[in-house]
Amino acid sequence: MTYYVYMLASGRHGTLYIGVTNDLVRRICEHKTKIIKGFTSKYDVTRLVWYESYERIDEAITREKALKKWQRDWKIRLIEEMNPEWEDLYLILNR
């Protein structure tokens, strides 16, 4: 099974959210449709701007926890290395 660590943003350089899941498309859809009430629905953080995949859940969780401790500018740099235009990668995943 594949596990994903991902970052959502409310917009370019906007509010960030970091999560982990075993089904990236389903989980991002849940954020976008606001099925689950919480931080992302409250602050409209629905744009998938970065993700990584892992084969083991423990590695994914370790990475998620580490990223949550990072300074904001480090997170922005990581996003811009993969996705300099801050495009919604969910649209690419669903092609």
Protein backbone atom coordinates (compact mmCIF):
# COMPACT_ATOMS: atom_id res chain seq x y z
CA MET A 1 0.00 0.00 0.00
CA THR A 2 1.12 3.56 -0.66
CA TYR A 3 0.85 6.35 1.91
CA TYR A 4 1.01 10.07 1.21
CA VAL A 5 2.09 13.14 3.11
CA TYR A 6 0.53 16.22 1.58
CA MET A 7 0.20 19.96 1.94
CA LEU A 8 -2.86 22.01 1.15
CA ALA A 9 -2.98 25.78 0.81
CA SER A 10 -5.77 28.33 0.77
CA GLY A 11 -3.94 30.10 -2.06
CA ARG A 12 -0.44 31.11 -3.08
CA HIS A 13 1.49 31.72 0.16
CA GLY A 14 -1.81 31.31 2.04
CA THR A 15 -2.76 29.18 5.02
CA LEU A 16 -1.09 25.74 4.99
CA TYR A 17 -2.29 22.35 6.20
CA ILE A 18 -0.23 19.13 6.38
CA GLY A 19 -1.80 15.67 6.46
CA VAL A 20 -1.21 11.98 5.82
CA THR A 21 -3.45 9.46 4.02
CA ASN A 22 -3.48 6.14 2.20
CA ASP A 23 -5.82 7.47 -0.53
CA LEU A 24 -4.74 10.90 -1.73
CA VAL A 25 -7.52 11.47 -4.26
CA ARG A 26 -10.28 10.51 -1.79
CA ARG A 27 -8.79 12.56 1.04
CA ILE A 28 -8.34 15.70 -1.05
CA CYS A 29 -11.90 15.31 -2.33
CA GLU A 30 -13.06 15.22 1.32
CA HIS A 31 -11.20 18.47 1.99
CA LYS A 32 -12.59 20.13 -1.16
CA THR A 33 -16.19 19.14 -0.45
CA LYS A 34 -15.82 19.99 3.25
CA ILE A 35 -17.31 16.63 4.26
CA ILE A 36 -15.20 16.65 7.41
CA LYS A 37 -15.59 19.77 9.51
CA GLY A 38 -12.37 21.17 10.88
CA PHE A 39 -9.39 23.38 10.10
CA THR A 40 -9.43 22.98 6.32
CA SER A 41 -13.15 23.63 5.96
CA LYS A 42 -13.04 26.58 8.37
CA TYR A 43 -10.15 28.30 6.57
CA ASP A 44 -10.96 27.07 3.03
CA VAL A 45 -7.63 25.24 2.69
CA THR A 46 -8.39 23.02 -0.31
CA ARG A 47 -5.62 23.41 -2.90
CA LEU A 48 -3.23 20.43 -3.06
CA VAL A 49 0.17 22.06 -3.58
CA TRP A 50 2.65 19.33 -2.56
CA TYR A 51 2.83 15.62 -1.73
CA GLU A 52 5.25 12.73 -1.25
CA SER A 53 4.59 8.99 -1.28
CA TYR A 54 5.85 6.32 1.11
CA GLU A 55 5.59 2.54 1.24
CA ARG A 56 5.33 2.43 5.03
CA ILE A 57 2.84 4.29 7.22
CA ASP A 58 5.38 4.87 9.98
CA GLU A 59 7.68 6.70 7.54
CA ALA A 60 4.80 8.85 6.31
CA ILE A 61 3.71 9.75 9.84
CA THR A 62 7.29 10.57 10.85
CA ARG A 63 7.61 12.89 7.84
CA GLU A 64 4.24 14.53 8.56
CA LYS A 65 5.22 15.24 12.16
CA ALA A 66 8.60 16.62 11.09
CA LEU A 67 7.05 18.94 8.49
CA LYS A 68 4.57 20.28 11.03
CA LYS A 69 7.55 21.46 13.10
CA TRP A 70 9.25 23.19 10.15
CA GLN A 71 9.36 26.96 9.82
CA ARG A 72 6.85 28.36 7.36
CA ASP A 73 9.52 29.55 4.89
CA TRP A 74 10.99 26.03 4.75
CA LYS A 75 7.55 24.65 3.84
CA ILE A 76 7.10 27.30 1.16
CA ARG A 77 10.51 26.44 -0.30
CA LEU A 78 9.56 22.75 -0.38
CA ILE A 79 6.29 23.54 -2.19
CA GLU A 80 7.98 25.81 -4.71
CA GLU A 81 10.62 23.19 -5.55
CA MET A 82 7.86 20.81 -6.67
CA ASN A 83 5.15 23.25 -7.68
CA PRO A 84 6.50 26.79 -8.33
CA GLU A 85 3.14 28.08 -9.59
CA TRP A 86 1.21 26.64 -6.63
CA GLU A 87 -1.11 24.84 -9.05
CA ASP A 88 -3.81 22.58 -7.62
CA LEU A 89 -2.18 19.17 -8.11
CA TYR A 90 -5.51 17.47 -7.42
CA LEU A 91 -6.60 18.49 -10.93
CA ILE A 92 -3.56 16.70 -12.36
CA LEU A 93 -4.19 13.57 -10.27
CA ASN A 94 -7.75 13.35 -11.62
CA ARG A 95 -6.84 13.51 -15.32
